[in-house]
C-alpha atoms as a PDB file:
ATOM      1  CA  MET A   1      10.875   1.211  12.895  1.00  0.00           C
ATOM      2  CA  VAL A   2       7.888   2.443  13.331  1.00  0.00           C
ATOM      3  CA  ARG A   3       7.455   5.140  16.418  1.00  0.00           C
ATOM      4  CA  CYS A   4       4.159   5.882  18.094  1.00  0.00           C
ATOM      5  CA  ARG A   5       2.738   6.921  21.106  1.00  0.00           C
ATOM      6  CA  ARG A   6      -0.726   5.944  22.781  1.00  0.00           C
ATOM      7  CA  LEU A   7      -3.562   5.880  20.560  1.00  0.00           C
ATOM      8  CA  VAL A   8      -2.020   8.458  18.338  1.00  0.00           C
ATOM      9  CA  VAL A   9      -1.730   8.274  14.917  1.00  0.00           C
ATOM     10  CA  ILE A  10       1.689   8.106  13.400  1.00  0.00           C
ATOM     11  CA  VAL A  11       1.612   9.629   9.257  1.00  0.00           C
ATOM     12  CA  LEU A  12       4.587   8.335   7.816  1.00  0.00           C
ATOM     13  CA  GLN A  13       3.769  10.201   4.319  1.00  0.00           C
ATOM     14  CA  LYS A  14       0.638  11.593   3.400  1.00  0.00           C
ATOM     15  CA  SER A  15      -0.321  11.323  -0.466  1.00  0.00           C
ATOM     16  CA  GLY A  16      -3.792  12.737  -1.188  1.00  0.00           C
ATOM     17  CA  LEU A  17      -6.205  13.248   1.531  1.00  0.00           C
ATOM     18  CA  VAL A  18      -7.354  10.087   3.819  1.00  0.00           C
ATOM     19  CA  ALA A  19     -10.259  10.203   5.504  1.00  0.00           C
ATOM     20  CA  ARG A  20      -9.158  11.151   9.256  1.00  0.00           C
ATOM     21  CA  ILE A  21     -11.313  11.999  12.404  1.00  0.00           C
ATOM     22  CA  GLN A  22      -9.436  14.683  15.044  1.00  0.00           C
ATOM     23  CA  THR A  23     -10.424  15.357  18.441  1.00  0.00           C
ATOM     24  CA  GLN A  24     -12.104  19.187  19.220  1.00  0.00           C
ATOM     25  CA  ASP A  25      -8.527  20.066  21.086  1.00  0.00           C
ATOM     26  CA  GLY A  26      -6.401  18.403  18.062  1.00  0.00           C
ATOM     27  CA  SER A  27      -4.828  16.202  20.668  1.00  0.00           C
ATOM     28  CA  SER A  28      -5.715  12.936  18.764  1.00  0.00           C
ATOM     29  CA  THR A  29      -5.966  12.440  15.246  1.00  0.00           C
ATOM     30  CA  ARG A  30      -7.028   8.648  13.612  1.00  0.00           C
ATOM     31  CA  LEU A  31      -7.474   7.263  10.070  1.00  0.00           C
ATOM     32  CA  VAL A  32     -10.526   5.957   9.661  1.00  0.00           C
ATOM     33  CA  PRO A  33     -11.550   2.261   8.546  1.00  0.00           C
ATOM     34  CA  SER A  34     -14.395   2.127   5.672  1.00  0.00           C
ATOM     35  CA  ARG A  35     -16.661   0.546   8.438  1.00  0.00           C
ATOM     36  CA  CYS A  36     -15.766   1.806  11.901  1.00  0.00           C
ATOM     37  CA  LEU A  37     -18.223   1.649  14.692  1.00  0.00           C
ATOM     38  CA  ILE A  38     -18.138   4.105  17.623  1.00  0.00           C
ATOM     39  CA  GLY A  39     -18.921   3.458  21.190  1.00  0.00           C
ATOM     40  CA  ARG A  40     -17.416   1.955  24.389  1.00  0.00           C
ATOM     41  CA  SER A  41     -17.651  -1.503  22.961  1.00  0.00           C
ATOM     42  CA  SER A  42     -14.325  -3.094  23.008  1.00  0.00           C
ATOM     43  CA  ALA A  43     -15.542  -3.775  19.324  1.00  0.00           C
ATOM     44  CA  CYS A  44     -15.457  -0.146  18.594  1.00  0.00           C
ATOM     45  CA  GLN A  45     -12.683   0.558  15.903  1.00  0.00           C
ATOM     46  CA  LEU A  46     -13.224   4.514  17.879  1.00  0.00           C
ATOM     47  CA  ARG A  47     -13.749   3.499  21.274  1.00  0.00           C
ATOM     48  CA  VAL A  48     -14.853   6.699  22.700  1.00  0.00           C
ATOM     49  CA  ASP A  49     -15.254   6.155  26.535  1.00  0.00           C
ATOM     50  CA  LEU A  50     -17.736   8.203  28.298  1.00  0.00           C
ATOM     51  CA  PRO A  51     -20.879   7.836  30.186  1.00  0.00           C
ATOM     52  CA  GLU A  52     -22.698   9.721  27.713  1.00  0.00           C
ATOM     53  CA  THR A  53     -21.789   7.635  24.978  1.00  0.00           C
ATOM     54  CA  SER A  54     -23.615   3.995  24.566  1.00  0.00           C
ATOM     55  CA  ASN A  55     -21.567   0.845  23.554  1.00  0.00           C
ATOM     56  CA  GLU A  56     -22.808   0.881  20.218  1.00  0.00           C
ATOM     57  CA  HIS A  57     -23.734   4.486  19.494  1.00  0.00           C
ATOM     58  CA  ALA A  58     -22.904   5.115  16.032  1.00  0.00           C
ATOM     59  CA  LEU A  59     -21.608   3.936  12.526  1.00  0.00           C
ATOM     60  CA  LEU A  60     -19.232   6.037  10.323  1.00  0.00           C
ATOM     61  CA  ARG A  61     -18.652   4.033   6.646  1.00  0.00           C
ATOM     62  CA  TRP A  62     -17.686   4.615   3.495  1.00  0.00           C
ATOM     63  CA  ARG A  63     -20.217   4.184   0.878  1.00  0.00           C
ATOM     64  CA  ASN A  64     -21.027   5.828  -2.856  1.00  0.00           C
ATOM     65  CA  GLY A  65     -17.941   8.009  -2.815  1.00  0.00           C
ATOM     66  CA  VAL A  66     -19.505   9.455   0.770  1.00  0.00           C
ATOM     67  CA  TRP A  67     -18.706   9.087   4.237  1.00  0.00           C
ATOM     68  CA  GLU A  68     -21.971   8.422   6.143  1.00  0.00           C
ATOM     69  CA  MET A  69     -23.151   9.094   9.830  1.00  0.00           C
ATOM     70  CA  GLN A  70     -25.691   6.498  11.197  1.00  0.00           C
ATOM     71  CA  ASP A  71     -26.819   6.701  14.933  1.00  0.00           C
ATOM     72  CA  LEU A  72     -27.389   3.836  16.209  1.00  0.00           C
ATOM     73  CA  HIS A  73     -30.405   4.022  18.399  1.00  0.00           C
ATOM     74  CA  SER A  74     -27.898   5.685  21.088  1.00  0.00           C
ATOM     75  CA  ARG A  75     -29.096   6.792  24.283  1.00  0.00           C
ATOM     76  CA  ASN A  76     -28.038  10.369  24.345  1.00  0.00           C
ATOM     77  CA  GLY A  77     -28.339  10.881  20.668  1.00  0.00           C
ATOM     78  CA  THR A  78     -25.533  11.268  17.660  1.00  0.00           C
ATOM     79  CA  TYR A  79     -24.535  14.940  16.655  1.00  0.00           C
ATOM     80  CA  VAL A  80     -23.276  16.408  13.514  1.00  0.00           C
ATOM     81  CA  ASP A  81     -22.316  19.811  13.176  1.00  0.00           C
ATOM     82  CA  GLY A  82     -24.464  20.571  16.613  1.00  0.00           C
ATOM     83  CA  ARG A  83     -27.315  19.100  15.034  1.00  0.00           C
ATOM     84  CA  ARG A  84     -28.689  15.416  16.445  1.00  0.00           C
ATOM     85  CA  LEU A  85     -29.890  13.117  14.506  1.00  0.00           C
ATOM     86  CA  GLY A  86     -33.096  11.300  14.714  1.00  0.00           C
ATOM     87  CA  ALA A  87     -32.709   7.662  16.255  1.00  0.00           C
ATOM     88  CA  GLY A  88     -31.502   5.555  13.395  1.00  0.00           C
ATOM     89  CA  ARG A  89     -31.013   8.334  10.807  1.00  0.00           C
ATOM     90  CA  LEU A  90     -28.101   8.435   8.521  1.00  0.00           C
ATOM     91  CA  VAL A  91     -26.456  11.336   6.911  1.00  0.00           C
ATOM     92  CA  ALA A  92     -23.867  11.882   4.564  1.00  0.00           C
ATOM     93  CA  LEU A  93     -20.669  14.064   5.758  1.00  0.00           C
ATOM     94  CA  ARG A  94     -18.730  17.029   4.252  1.00  0.00           C
ATOM     95  CA  GLU A  95     -14.885  17.355   5.258  1.00  0.00           C
ATOM     96  CA  GLY A  96     -14.846  19.859   8.094  1.00  0.00           C
ATOM     97  CA  ALA A  97     -17.975  18.175   9.998  1.00  0.00           C
ATOM     98  CA  ARG A  98     -17.999  18.886  13.861  1.00  0.00           C
ATOM     99  CA  LEU A  99     -19.272  15.036  15.829  1.00  0.00           C
ATOM    100  CA  GLY A 100     -20.492  14.038  18.647  1.00  0.00           C
ATOM    101  CA  PHE A 101     -21.463  11.125  20.148  1.00  0.00           C
ATOM    102  CA  GLY A 102     -23.445  11.883  23.651  1.00  0.00           C
ATOM    103  CA  TYR A 103     -23.121  15.287  23.457  1.00  0.00           C
ATOM    104  CA  PRO A 104     -21.934  17.670  20.961  1.00  0.00           C
ATOM    105  CA  ASP A 105     -18.643  19.102  19.230  1.00  0.00           C
ATOM    106  CA  GLN A 106     -16.206  16.698  20.231  1.00  0.00           C
ATOM    107  CA  TYR A 107     -14.185  15.333  16.620  1.00  0.00           C
ATOM    108  CA  THR A 108     -14.531  16.814  13.798  1.00  0.00           C
ATOM    109  CA  LEU A 109     -13.932  14.792   9.816  1.00  0.00           C
ATOM    110  CA  VAL A 110     -10.624  16.538   9.350  1.00  0.00           C
ATOM    111  CA  ASP A 111     -10.280  14.549   6.252  1.00  0.00           C
ATOM    112  CA  ALA A 112     -13.090  13.473   3.977  1.00  0.00           C
ATOM    113  CA  GLY A 113     -10.760  11.400   1.126  1.00  0.00           C
ATOM    114  CA  PRO A 114     -11.394   7.852   0.432  1.00  0.00           C
ATOM    115  CA  PRO A 115     -10.908   4.986   3.424  1.00  0.00           C
ATOM    116  CA  GLU A 116      -6.857   4.121   2.872  1.00  0.00           C
ATOM    117  CA  PRO A 117      -5.308   0.478   4.018  1.00  0.00           C
ATOM    118  CA  HIS A 118      -3.340   0.555   6.956  1.00  0.00           C
ATOM    119  CA  ALA A 119      -2.968  -1.611   9.754  1.00  0.00           C
ATOM    120  CA  VAL A 120      -2.989  -1.045  14.051  1.00  0.00           C
ATOM    121  CA  SER A 121      -0.938  -2.930  16.427  1.00  0.00           C
ATOM    122  CA  VAL A 122      -3.036  -5.341  18.623  1.00  0.00           C
ATOM    123  CA  ARG A 123      -1.079  -4.464  21.477  1.00  0.00           C
ATOM    124  CA  PRO A 124      -0.587  -1.099  23.479  1.00  0.00           C
ATOM    125  CA  PRO A 125       0.600   1.430  22.525  1.00  0.00           C
ATOM    126  CA  HIS A 126      -1.326   0.192  19.437  1.00  0.00           C
ATOM    127  CA  CYS A 127       0.713   1.845  16.722  1.00  0.00           C
ATOM    128  CA  VAL A 128      -0.864   2.950  13.214  1.00  0.00           C
ATOM    129  CA  VAL A 129       0.964   1.822   9.787  1.00  0.00           C
ATOM    130  CA  GLU A 130      -0.457   3.569   6.535  1.00  0.00           C
ATOM    131  CA  ALA A 131       0.066   2.819   3.539  1.00  0.00           C
ATOM    132  CA  LEU A 132       2.329   4.436   0.518  1.00  0.00           C
ATOM    133  CA  ASP A 133       1.402   4.338  -2.533  1.00  0.00           C
ATOM    134  CA  GLY A 134      -0.993   1.290  -2.295  1.00  0.00           C
ATOM    135  CA  LEU A 135       1.369  -0.789  -0.265  1.00  0.00           C
ATOM    136  CA  LEU A 136       0.926  -1.704   2.927  1.00  0.00           C
ATOM    137  CA  ALA A 137       4.676  -2.704   4.622  1.00  0.00           C
ATOM    138  CA  LEU A 138       4.732  -4.289   7.719  1.00  0.00           C
ATOM    139  CA  PRO A 139       6.207  -3.567  10.486  1.00  0.00           C
ATOM    140  CA  GLY A 140       7.291  -0.354   8.341  1.00  0.00           C
ATOM    141  CA  PRO A 141       8.461   0.689   5.319  1.00  0.00           C
ATOM    142  CA  ASP A 142      12.061   0.542   6.366  1.00  0.00           C
ATOM    143  CA  GLU A 143      12.310  -2.893   7.795  1.00  0.00           C
ATOM    144  CA  VAL A 144       9.544  -4.839   5.250  1.00  0.00           C
ATOM    145  CA  GLU A 145       8.776  -8.301   6.732  1.00  0.00           C
ATOM    146  CA  VAL A 146       4.986  -8.385   5.214  1.00  0.00           C
ATOM    147  CA  THR A 147       3.597  -6.146   2.187  1.00  0.00           C
ATOM    148  CA  ILE A 148      -0.172  -5.932   1.732  1.00  0.00           C
ATOM    149  CA  LEU A 149      -0.950  -5.102  -1.724  1.00  0.00           C
ATOM    150  CA  GLU A 150      -4.018  -5.303  -4.311  1.00  0.00           C
ATOM    151  CA  ARG A 151      -3.865  -7.321  -7.076  1.00  0.00           C
ATOM    152  CA  ASP A 152      -6.589  -8.175  -9.536  1.00  0.00           C
ATOM    153  CA  ARG A 153      -9.225  -6.816  -7.238  1.00  0.00           C
ATOM    154  CA  ARG A 154      -8.208  -8.605  -4.060  1.00  0.00           C
ATOM    155  CA  TRP A 155      -6.117  -7.510  -1.358  1.00  0.00           C
ATOM    156  CA  TRP A 156      -3.050  -9.929  -1.235  1.00  0.00           C
ATOM    157  CA  ILE A 157      -0.309 -10.674   1.454  1.00  0.00           C
ATOM    158  CA  GLU A 158       3.237 -11.354   0.322  1.00  0.00           C
ATOM    159  CA  ARG A 159       6.400 -12.718   2.483  1.00  0.00           C
ATOM    160  CA  ASP A 160       8.908 -14.699   1.282  1.00  0.00           C
ATOM    161  CA  ASP A 161       6.648 -17.463  -0.010  1.00  0.00           C
ATOM    162  CA  ALA A 162       3.769 -17.139  -2.957  1.00  0.00           C
ATOM    163  CA  PRO A 163       0.910 -14.445  -2.177  1.00  0.00           C
ATOM    164  CA  ARG A 164      -2.537 -15.436  -0.610  1.00  0.00           C
ATOM    165  CA  PRO A 165      -5.211 -13.526  -0.543  1.00  0.00           C
ATOM    166  CA  ILE A 166      -6.025 -11.783   2.788  1.00  0.00           C
ATOM    167  CA  GLY A 167      -9.055 -10.278   4.113  1.00  0.00           C
ATOM    168  CA  ASP A 168     -10.178  -7.096   6.099  1.00  0.00           C
ATOM    169  CA  GLY A 169     -10.237  -7.051  10.008  1.00  0.00           C
ATOM    170  CA  GLU A 170      -7.437 -10.281   9.533  1.00  0.00           C
ATOM    171  CA  VAL A 171      -4.471 -10.109  11.786  1.00  0.00           C
ATOM    172  CA  VAL A 172      -1.143 -10.756  10.624  1.00  0.00           C
ATOM    173  CA  LEU A 173       2.197 -11.614  12.410  1.00  0.00           C
ATOM    174  CA  THR A 174       5.636  -9.877  12.452  1.00  0.00           C
ATOM    175  CA  ARG A 175       8.430 -10.896  14.489  1.00  0.00           C
ATOM    176  CA  THR A 176       7.638  -8.358  17.003  1.00  0.00           C
ATOM    177  CA  ASP A 177       4.153  -7.403  16.800  1.00  0.00           C
ATOM    178  CA  GLN A 178       1.035  -8.166  15.705  1.00  0.00           C
ATOM    179  CA  TRP A 179      -1.325  -5.940  13.260  1.00  0.00           C
ATOM    180  CA  ARG A 180      -5.055  -5.788  12.455  1.00  0.00           C
ATOM    181  CA  LEU A 181      -5.551  -5.314   8.979  1.00  0.00           C
ATOM    182  CA  HIS A 182      -8.069  -2.453   7.602  1.00  0.00           C
ATOM    183  CA  LEU A 183      -9.080  -2.764   4.280  1.00  0.00           C
ATOM    184  CA  PRO A 184     -11.211  -1.125   2.347  1.00  0.00           C
ATOM    185  CA  GLU A 185     -13.714  -2.677  -0.202  1.00  0.00           C
ATOM    186  CA  LEU A 186     -12.603  -3.133  -3.451  1.00  0.00           C
ATOM    187  CA  ILE A 187     -14.866  -1.848  -6.210  1.00  0.00           C
ATOM    188  CA  THR A 188     -14.512  -2.798  -9.984  1.00  0.00           C
ATOM    189  CA  SER A 189     -13.987   0.231 -12.054  1.00  0.00           C
ATOM    190  CA  THR A 190     -15.582   1.059 -15.359  1.00  0.00           C
ATOM    191  CA  ARG A 191     -12.691   3.202 -16.764  1.00  0.00           C
ATOM    192  CA  ASP A 192     -10.055   2.283 -19.019  1.00  0.00           C
ATOM    193  CA  ALA A 193      -6.939   2.830 -16.993  1.00  0.00           C
ATOM    194  CA  GLU A 194      -5.254   1.464 -20.382  1.00  0.00           C
ATOM    195  CA  ASP A 195      -5.892   4.689 -22.154  1.00  0.00           C
ATOM    196  CA  VAL A 196      -4.699   6.848 -19.189  1.00  0.00           C
ATOM    197  CA  ALA A 197      -1.848   5.272 -17.678  1.00  0.00           C
ATOM    198  CA  PRO A 198       0.981   2.433 -18.521  1.00  0.00           C
ATOM    199  CA  SER A 199       0.520  -1.063 -17.543  1.00  0.00           C
ATOM    200  CA  LEU A 200       3.744  -3.721 -17.359  1.00  0.00           C
ATOM    201  CA  ALA A 201       2.936  -5.687 -20.129  1.00  0.00           C
ATOM    202  CA  ALA A 202       2.938  -2.508 -22.502  1.00  0.00           C
ATOM    203  CA  LEU A 203       6.675  -1.215 -20.944  1.00  0.00           C
ATOM    204  CA  SER A 204      10.008  -1.610 -22.054  1.00  0.00           C
ATOM    205  CA  LEU A 205      12.494  -1.168 -19.674  1.00  0.00           C
ATOM    206  CA  ARG A 206      16.189   0.024 -20.407  1.00  0.00           C
ATOM    207  CA  PHE A 207      18.780  -0.116 -17.606  1.00  0.00           C
ATOM    208  CA  LEU A 208      21.966   1.655 -18.185  1.00  0.00           C
ATOM    209  CA  VAL A 209      25.115   0.704 -16.238  1.00  0.00           C
ATOM    210  CA  ASP A 210      27.988   2.309 -15.120  1.00  0.00           C
ATOM    211  CA  ASP A 211      31.684   1.566 -14.030  1.00  0.00           C
ATOM    212  CA  ASP A 212      30.473   2.489 -10.327  1.00  0.00           C
ATOM    213  CA  GLY A 213      27.394  -0.105 -10.943  1.00  0.00           C
ATOM    214  CA  VAL A 214      25.053   2.248 -10.665  1.00  0.00           C
ATOM    215  CA  VAL A 215      22.155   1.984 -12.429  1.00  0.00           C
ATOM    216  CA  GLU A 216      19.916   4.411 -14.280  1.00  0.00           C
ATOM    217  CA  LEU A 217      16.143   2.782 -15.466  1.00  0.00           C
ATOM    218  CA  VAL A 218      14.362   4.295 -18.044  1.00  0.00           C
ATOM    219  CA  ALA A 219      10.702   2.839 -19.436  1.00  0.00           C
ATOM    220  CA  SER A 220       8.749   3.625 -22.555  1.00  0.00           C
ATOM    221  CA  ARG A 221       5.777   2.967 -23.741  1.00  0.00           C
ATOM    222  CA  GLY A 222       5.887   3.884 -27.694  1.00  0.00           C
ATOM    223  CA  ASP A 223       6.566   7.179 -27.589  1.00  0.00           C
ATOM    224  CA  GLN A 224       5.918   7.808 -24.029  1.00  0.00           C
ATOM    225  CA  ARG A 225       9.053   7.788 -21.505  1.00  0.00           C
ATOM    226  CA  ILE A 226       8.976   7.755 -17.660  1.00  0.00           C
ATOM    227  CA  ASP A 227      12.728   8.732 -16.555  1.00  0.00           C
ATOM    228  CA  LEU A 228      12.963   6.314 -13.201  1.00  0.00           C
ATOM    229  CA  LYS A 229      16.747   7.901 -12.909  1.00  0.00           C
ATOM    230  CA  ALA A 230      19.392   6.667 -10.668  1.00  0.00           C
ATOM    231  CA  ARG A 231      18.457   4.897  -7.217  1.00  0.00           C
ATOM    232  CA  ALA A 232      19.937   2.160  -5.292  1.00  0.00           C
ATOM    233  CA  HIS A 233      17.401   0.247  -5.040  1.00  0.00           C
ATOM    234  CA  HIS A 234      17.546  -0.817  -8.960  1.00  0.00           C
ATOM    235  CA  ALA A 235      20.597  -3.547  -7.864  1.00  0.00           C
ATOM    236  CA  PRO A 236      17.779  -6.532  -7.522  1.00  0.00           C
ATOM    237  CA  LEU A 237      15.586  -5.117 -10.171  1.00  0.00           C
ATOM    238  CA  LEU A 238      18.824  -5.254 -12.721  1.00  0.00           C
ATOM    239  CA  ALA A 239      19.680  -8.918 -11.390  1.00  0.00           C
ATOM    240  CA  LEU A 240      15.912 -10.209 -11.928  1.00  0.00           C
ATOM    241  CA  ALA A 241      16.265  -8.519 -15.516  1.00  0.00           C
ATOM    242  CA  ARG A 242      19.962  -9.971 -16.168  1.00  0.00           C
ATOM    243  CA  ALA A 243      17.941 -13.371 -14.790  1.00  0.00           C
ATOM    244  CA  ARG A 244      15.083 -12.987 -17.350  1.00  0.00           C
ATOM    245  CA  LEU A 245      17.195 -12.366 -20.137  1.00  0.00           C
ATOM    246  CA  ALA A 246      19.080 -15.048 -19.956  1.00  0.00           C
ATOM    247  CA  GLY A 247      16.445 -18.040 -19.706  1.00  0.00           C
ATOM    248  CA  GLN A 248      14.948 -16.369 -23.075  1.00  0.00           C
ATOM    249  CA  GLU A 249      15.316 -19.785 -24.890  1.00  0.00           C
ATOM    250  CA  ARG A 250      11.806 -20.837 -22.186  1.00  0.00           C
ATOM    251  CA  PHE A 251       8.452 -20.258 -22.300  1.00  0.00           C
ATOM    252  CA  ALA A 252       7.248 -17.240 -20.826  1.00  0.00           C
ATOM    253  CA  GLU A 253       5.691 -18.288 -17.824  1.00  0.00           C
ATOM    254  CA  GLU A 254       9.238 -19.703 -17.240  1.00  0.00           C
ATOM    255  CA  GLN A 255      11.435 -17.330 -18.122  1.00  0.00           C
ATOM    256  CA  GLY A 256      13.471 -15.704 -15.140  1.00  0.00           C
ATOM    257  CA  TRP A 257      12.398 -17.453 -12.120  1.00  0.00           C
ATOM    258  CA  ILE A 258      15.203 -17.122  -9.244  1.00  0.00           C
ATOM    259  CA  GLU A 259      15.279 -18.689  -5.832  1.00  0.00           C
ATOM    260  CA  GLN A 260      15.677 -16.014  -3.414  1.00  0.00           C
ATOM    261  CA  GLU A 261      18.598 -17.265  -1.962  1.00  0.00           C
ATOM    262  CA  GLU A 262      20.369 -17.130  -4.907  1.00  0.00           C
ATOM    263  CA  LEU A 263      19.475 -13.492  -5.793  1.00  0.00           C
ATOM    264  CA  LEU A 264      20.653 -12.586  -2.205  1.00  0.00           C
ATOM    265  CA  ARG A 265      23.801 -14.227  -2.975  1.00  0.00           C
ATOM    266  CA  ARG A 266      24.461 -12.341  -6.184  1.00  0.00           C
ATOM    267  CA  LEU A 267      23.751  -8.975  -4.482  1.00  0.00           C
ATOM    268  CA  GLY A 268      25.341  -9.911  -1.426  1.00  0.00           C
ATOM    269  CA  CYS A 269      23.007  -8.472   0.667  1.00  0.00           C
ATOM    270  CA  ASP A 270      20.452 -10.259   4.015  1.00  0.00           C
ATOM    271  CA  ALA A 271      16.881 -10.769   3.542  1.00  0.00           C
ATOM    272  CA  ASN A 272      15.560  -7.555   4.947  1.00  0.00           C
ATOM    273  CA  ARG A 273      17.419  -5.189   3.111  1.00  0.00           C
ATOM    274  CA  LEU A 274      16.164  -7.200  -0.392  1.00  0.00           C
ATOM    275  CA  HIS A 275      12.587  -6.794   0.604  1.00  0.00           C
ATOM    276  CA  VAL A 276      12.757  -3.120   1.488  1.00  0.00           C
ATOM    277  CA  ASP A 277      14.640  -2.639  -1.771  1.00  0.00           C
ATOM    278  CA  LEU A 278      11.438  -4.506  -3.711  1.00  0.00           C
ATOM    279  CA  HIS A 279       9.085  -2.395  -1.684  1.00  0.00           C
ATOM    280  CA  ARG A 280      10.658   0.970  -3.127  1.00  0.00           C
ATOM    281  CA  ILE A 281      10.803  -0.367  -6.857  1.00  0.00           C
ATOM    282  CA  ARG A 282       7.526  -1.042  -6.064  1.00  0.00           C
ATOM    283  CA  ARG A 283       6.143   2.087  -4.949  1.00  0.00           C
ATOM    284  CA  GLN A 284       8.991   4.339  -7.326  1.00  0.00           C
ATOM    285  CA  PHE A 285       6.640   2.289  -9.847  1.00  0.00           C
ATOM    286  CA  ALA A 286       3.123   3.232  -8.603  1.00  0.00           C
ATOM    287  CA  ALA A 287       4.248   6.582  -7.887  1.00  0.00           C
ATOM    288  CA  ALA A 288       5.147   6.866 -11.842  1.00  0.00           C
ATOM    289  CA  GLY A 289       1.225   6.257 -12.489  1.00  0.00           C
ATOM    290  CA  ILE A 290       2.004   2.694 -13.696  1.00  0.00           C
ATOM    291  CA  ILE A 291      -0.969   1.083 -13.017  1.00  0.00           C
ATOM    292  CA  ASP A 292       0.079  -2.583 -11.952  1.00  0.00           C
ATOM    293  CA  ALA A 293       2.882  -1.056 -10.111  1.00  0.00           C
ATOM    294  CA  VAL A 294       2.663  -4.216  -7.986  1.00  0.00           C
ATOM    295  CA  ASN A 295       3.526  -7.028 -10.437  1.00  0.00           C
ATOM    296  CA  ILE A 296       6.670  -5.321 -11.448  1.00  0.00           C
ATOM    297  CA  ILE A 297       8.174  -8.114  -8.525  1.00  0.00           C
ATOM    298  CA  GLU A 298       6.124 -11.643  -9.160  1.00  0.00           C
ATOM    299  CA  ARG A 299       6.373 -14.457  -6.397  1.00  0.00           C
ATOM    300  CA  ARG A 300       6.124 -17.989  -6.370  1.00  0.00           C
ATOM    301  CA  GLU A 301       5.933 -20.932  -4.303  1.00  0.00           C
ATOM    302  CA  GLY A 302       9.155 -21.719  -3.146  1.00  0.00           C
ATOM    303  CA  ARG A 303      10.348 -18.296  -2.732  1.00  0.00           C
ATOM    304  CA  ARG A 304      11.726 -17.646  -6.134  1.00  0.00           C
ATOM    305  CA  LEU A 305      11.012 -14.474  -7.962  1.00  0.00           C
ATOM    306  CA  ARG A 306      11.034 -12.412 -10.986  1.00  0.00           C
ATOM    307  CA  ILE A 307      10.854  -9.186 -12.725  1.00  0.00           C
ATOM    308  CA  GLY A 308       7.194  -8.555 -14.362  1.00  0.00           C
ATOM    309  CA  VAL A 309       8.531  -7.188 -17.456  1.00  0.00           C
ATOM    310  CA  SER A 310       9.646  -8.958 -20.709  1.00  0.00           C
ATOM    311  CA  ARG A 311      10.706  -6.206 -22.754  1.00  0.00           C
ATOM    312  CA  LEU A 312      14.641  -5.512 -21.012  1.00  0.00           C
ATOM    313  CA  GLU A 313      17.494  -4.035 -22.444  1.00  0.00           C
ATOM    314  CA  ILE A 314      21.056  -3.828 -20.583  1.00  0.00           C
ATOM    315  CA  VAL A 315      23.432  -1.569 -21.469  1.00  0.00           C
ATOM    316  CA  THR A 316      26.748  -1.087 -19.810  1.00  0.00           C
ATOM    317  CA  ASP A 317      28.698   1.797 -20.758  1.00  0.00           C
ATOM    318  CA  ALA A 318      31.894   0.559 -19.997  1.00  0.00           C
ATOM    319  CA  ARG A 319      32.074  -0.835 -23.724  1.00  0.00           C
ATOM    320  CA  PRO A 320      29.382   1.871 -25.641  1.00  0.00           C
ATOM    321  CA  HIS A 321      31.036   1.188 -29.032  1.00  0.00           C
ATOM    322  CA  GLU A 322      30.683  -2.774 -28.211  1.00  0.00           C
ATOM    323  CA  ALA A 323      27.429  -3.028 -26.563  1.00  0.00           C
ATOM    324  CA  ALA A 324      28.467  -6.624 -25.434  1.00  0.00           C
ATOM    325  CA  GLU A 325      26.513  -6.488 -22.799  1.00  0.00           C
ATOM    326  CA  THR A 326      23.447  -4.957 -24.649  1.00  0.00           C
ATOM    327  CA  MET A 327      20.375  -7.846 -24.245  1.00  0.00           C
ATOM    328  CA  GLN A 328      16.600  -7.388 -25.529  1.00  0.00           C
ATOM    329  CA  ALA A 329      13.794  -9.553 -25.048  1.00  0.00           C
ATOM    330  CA  MET A 330      10.984  -8.536 -27.176  1.00  0.00           C
ATOM    331  CA  GLN A 331       8.047 -10.926 -26.124  1.00  0.00           C
ATOM    332  CA  ARG A 332       4.671 -10.437 -27.130  1.00  0.00           C
END
């Protein structure tokens, strides 16, 4: 479960710079959404409940690769590094900039990295959950009911059923809470990522299974080899690989789909354990630099899943001389 204290962000894991704003005394640190309205109003993402602060005092937003602060014609002024901005004035911020809303030096922009997806619980104490390796798991990475992920330059929500599009500011329900999403705008990149990092379509996966059921996993693309080692969460991926290999006679789009209940039966686990393992699989592939790692697990309506790689090999160490359980699918 996600533990939190009132109005304080709990950092589950920090991977790279993520925009954060901190009070001068260091007592409170908050993530910054891509568009952060600041003021006394309940509609503001950063509420500053002081008489010197206007209802909608200033706007902090991510644009063209930098953070910008704009005064919204506030009564007592917006301050950056001790200097008061002109009414309606906009200025780019550097990391470490001191910010004030009504008087100088209330906050510091402690990190000036790009905005990251995160969710804030609607009810007090307003817990915050951050995305890890591009995946936002609610209510947290150790108890996954909902996953928010980016695919095809859109944000998607995934439960047990097929994913559906979702947008910034929407509220998502879990069993114990409601979460408001803060999702950055996705900008199409002109960079040819295929020349830099592998995609799933270019990968082959090799599973090595020993007598004790330990599953080692190696991904490869040509001469490039990615050792994903042995992990407990590889078990559902192995089951999905077996299902896809067993259906090679079908058309590619129909291969390998398996009902979630059947997968749970084969694995001997419950849905919560499965969701956690699938989340960890996606994170592991993302951390390995695979550009479309979220698609390692595909979903369809009717609670059906399959592995998102077609080139598969399973080797059982118990019979290396026969390689009787070795199977390959080389689809083009």
